[in-house]
C-alpha cells in the first residue's frame, strides 16, 4: 500500500488507538471490545502490501455493520456512541479508499497490492470532510460529557479516537 515510513507509523498509531479504549475496559460492553478489535485489525490490514483492494470494501462494510451492532439494546452512551462514531467514520473512509486508487493505464498491467489517495483518481474533498467531521464529533462527544462524569474511560475513548483519526489521515490525503 503506502511505502512511506511516516504513513506506516501513522497507521500503526491508529491501530494502537483502536486498542487504547480496551485497556480501560472495566465497564465496557463485549460489543464495544469486539468493535475496537475489528478497527485495530482493519488498520493493520492497511499496512500489509499484498492485501487485495477489495478487502477494504469488505472491511468498511463490516465496520459500519459493527456500528449498528454496538448500538444494540444494551447501549451505554459513554462507550457505545463514541465507538459507533469511530466505526462509521472509519468504515466510510475504507469504502472511499478503493475509489481513490490510481486507475491503471490501458496498456499497463494491473498493479500488485493496492494504493490509496495520492496522485490517482480522487474522490475530491469527501474523505477530508469525513475526517474533519469525525474529529468534530469526537470533540463534541467529549465536551458534552459533564466534567464530573469525565473519568478516565471517557478520556481514554477520546484519546483512542484522536489516535485513530491520525492513523486514518493518510486515507484522506
Protein backbone atom coordinates (compact mmCIF):
# COMPACT_ATOMS: atom_id res chain seq x y z
CA UNK A 1 0.00 0.00 0.00
CA UNK A 2 1.94 3.04 1.21
CA UNK A 3 5.70 2.71 1.09
CA UNK A 4 6.35 5.87 3.12
CA UNK A 5 7.56 5.11 6.68
CA UNK A 6 5.70 8.10 8.15
CA UNK A 7 2.43 6.77 6.74
CA UNK A 8 3.10 3.32 8.21
CA UNK A 9 3.85 4.97 11.54
CA UNK A 10 0.57 6.91 11.42
CA UNK A 11 -1.36 3.75 10.61
CA UNK A 12 0.35 1.87 13.43
CA UNK A 13 -0.56 4.69 15.81
CA UNK A 14 -4.15 4.38 14.58
CA UNK A 15 -4.15 0.65 15.30
CA UNK A 16 -2.85 1.33 18.80
CA UNK A 17 -5.54 4.00 19.14
CA UNK A 18 -8.19 1.42 18.34
CA UNK A 19 -6.92 -0.71 21.21
CA UNK A 20 -6.49 2.12 23.75
CA UNK A 21 -10.14 2.11 24.94
CA UNK A 22 -9.85 -1.63 25.63
CA UNK A 23 -7.11 -1.00 28.22
CA UNK A 24 -9.62 0.79 30.44
CA UNK A 25 -12.50 -1.52 29.54
CA UNK A 26 -13.71 -2.34 33.06
CA UNK A 27 -17.33 -1.37 32.34
CA UNK A 28 -17.16 -1.76 28.59
CA UNK A 29 -19.65 -4.00 26.85
CA UNK A 30 -18.35 -7.01 24.93
CA UNK A 31 -19.75 -5.49 21.73
CA UNK A 32 -17.51 -2.46 22.11
CA UNK A 33 -14.47 -4.68 22.66
CA UNK A 34 -15.26 -6.65 19.50
CA UNK A 35 -15.65 -3.40 17.57
CA UNK A 36 -12.35 -1.98 18.78
CA UNK A 37 -10.60 -5.23 17.86
CA UNK A 38 -12.09 -5.02 14.36
CA UNK A 39 -10.91 -1.43 13.97
CA UNK A 40 -7.39 -2.43 15.01
CA UNK A 41 -7.40 -5.33 12.54
CA UNK A 42 -8.55 -3.07 9.71
CA UNK A 43 -5.77 -0.59 10.48
CA UNK A 44 -3.20 -3.40 10.49
CA UNK A 45 -4.62 -4.82 7.23
CA UNK A 46 -3.98 -1.48 5.52
CA UNK A 47 -0.28 -1.84 6.31
CA UNK A 48 0.05 -5.23 4.59
CA UNK A 49 1.23 -4.70 0.99
CA UNK A 50 -0.21 -7.86 -0.64
CA UNK A 51 -3.82 -7.43 0.50
CA UNK A 52 -6.20 -7.04 -2.47
CA UNK A 53 -8.00 -3.68 -2.76
CA UNK A 54 -11.44 -5.32 -2.44
CA UNK A 55 -10.73 -6.29 1.15
CA UNK A 56 -11.16 -2.65 2.14
CA UNK A 57 -14.68 -2.59 0.74
CA UNK A 58 -15.47 -5.62 2.86
CA UNK A 59 -13.73 -4.10 5.89
CA UNK A 60 -15.64 -0.83 5.52
CA UNK A 61 -18.95 -2.64 5.29
CA UNK A 62 -18.12 -4.78 8.33
CA UNK A 63 -17.17 -1.72 10.38
CA UNK A 64 -20.42 0.04 9.50
CA UNK A 65 -22.37 -3.12 10.40
CA UNK A 66 -20.49 -3.24 13.71
CA UNK A 67 -21.59 0.35 14.39
CA UNK A 68 -25.17 -0.88 14.28
CA UNK A 69 -24.21 -3.90 16.41
CA UNK A 70 -22.53 -1.71 19.05
CA UNK A 71 -25.59 0.47 19.47
CA UNK A 72 -27.75 -2.50 20.37
CA UNK A 73 -30.25 -2.81 23.17
CA UNK A 74 -27.65 -2.69 25.99
CA UNK A 75 -26.05 0.52 24.77
CA UNK A 76 -24.13 2.67 27.23
CA UNK A 77 -23.79 6.24 25.95
CA UNK A 78 -20.30 6.74 27.33
CA UNK A 79 -18.82 3.77 25.49
CA UNK A 80 -21.09 2.82 22.60
CA UNK A 81 -21.75 6.19 20.97
CA UNK A 82 -18.09 7.23 20.56
CA UNK A 83 -17.32 3.72 19.35
CA UNK A 84 -20.16 3.89 16.79
CA UNK A 85 -18.86 7.24 15.54
CA UNK A 86 -15.36 5.77 15.15
CA UNK A 87 -16.68 2.68 13.38
CA UNK A 88 -18.87 4.65 10.98
CA UNK A 89 -16.20 7.19 10.05
CA UNK A 90 -13.50 4.55 9.58
CA UNK A 91 -15.91 2.38 7.58
CA UNK A 92 -16.83 5.26 5.27
CA UNK A 93 -13.15 6.12 4.75
CA UNK A 94 -12.42 2.49 3.89
CA UNK A 95 -15.33 2.42 1.44
CA UNK A 96 -13.98 5.57 -0.21
CA UNK A 97 -10.37 4.33 -0.32
CA UNK A 98 -10.60 1.92 -3.30
CA UNK A 99 -12.32 4.64 -5.32
CA UNK A 100 -9.30 6.87 -4.81
CA UNK A 101 -6.87 4.25 -6.13
CA UNK A 102 -4.98 5.19 -9.28
CA UNK A 103 -6.51 3.75 -12.43
CA UNK A 104 -4.09 1.59 -14.43
CA UNK A 105 -3.29 2.75 -17.95
CA UNK A 106 -4.87 0.79 -20.79
CA UNK A 107 -1.59 -0.83 -21.80
CA UNK A 108 -0.09 -1.14 -18.32
CA UNK A 109 -0.56 -4.29 -16.28
CA UNK A 110 -2.65 -4.07 -13.14
CA UNK A 111 -0.52 -3.07 -10.14
CA UNK A 112 0.02 -5.58 -7.38
CA UNK A 113 -1.33 -4.73 -3.94
CA UNK A 114 -3.43 -1.65 -3.51
CA UNK A 115 -2.93 2.08 -3.28
CA UNK A 116 -4.87 4.89 -1.67
CA UNK A 117 -5.09 8.59 -2.34
CA UNK A 118 -2.10 10.35 -3.78
CA UNK A 119 -1.81 11.05 -7.49
CA UNK A 120 -4.60 8.79 -8.72
CA UNK A 121 -8.29 9.35 -9.22
CA UNK A 122 -9.56 11.28 -6.25
CA UNK A 123 -12.96 11.45 -4.60
CA UNK A 124 -12.24 15.11 -4.03
CA UNK A 125 -12.80 16.59 -0.64
CA UNK A 126 -15.12 13.85 0.62
CA UNK A 127 -12.51 11.83 2.60
CA UNK A 128 -11.18 15.01 4.17
CA UNK A 129 -14.72 16.12 5.06
CA UNK A 130 -15.36 12.73 6.71
CA UNK A 131 -12.12 13.04 8.69
CA UNK A 132 -12.92 16.58 9.86
CA UNK A 133 -16.48 15.61 10.81
CA UNK A 134 -15.12 12.61 12.73
CA UNK A 135 -12.75 14.86 14.66
CA UNK A 136 -15.50 17.40 15.40
CA UNK A 137 -17.94 14.71 16.55
CA UNK A 138 -15.29 13.21 18.81
CA UNK A 139 -14.59 16.59 20.34
CA UNK A 140 -18.32 17.31 20.68
CA UNK A 141 -18.96 13.98 22.44
CA UNK A 142 -16.07 14.58 24.82
CA UNK A 143 -17.12 18.14 25.60
CA UNK A 144 -20.78 17.19 26.04
CA UNK A 145 -19.91 14.81 28.86
CA UNK A 146 -20.13 16.68 32.18
CA UNK A 147 -16.76 17.16 33.91
CA UNK A 148 -17.77 15.04 36.88
CA UNK A 149 -18.50 12.12 34.51
CA UNK A 150 -15.25 12.51 32.53
CA UNK A 151 -13.49 9.73 34.30
CA UNK A 152 -10.59 8.02 32.68
CA UNK A 153 -12.89 5.93 30.45
CA UNK A 154 -14.23 8.95 28.55
CA UNK A 155 -10.77 10.48 28.31
CA UNK A 156 -9.32 7.18 27.12
CA UNK A 157 -12.02 6.81 24.46
CA UNK A 158 -11.37 10.35 23.21
CA UNK A 159 -7.61 9.73 23.13
CA UNK A 160 -8.16 6.48 21.21
CA UNK A 161 -10.40 8.29 18.72
CA UNK A 162 -7.79 11.00 18.24
CA UNK A 163 -5.11 8.38 17.52
CA UNK A 164 -7.41 6.59 15.05
CA UNK A 165 -8.12 9.91 13.29
CA UNK A 166 -4.38 10.44 12.99
CA UNK A 167 -3.99 6.90 11.65
CA UNK A 168 -6.68 7.40 9.03
CA UNK A 169 -5.38 10.80 7.90
CA UNK A 170 -3.31 9.26 5.07
CA UNK A 171 -6.57 7.88 3.64
CA UNK A 172 -7.95 11.42 3.31
CA UNK A 173 -4.98 12.95 1.53
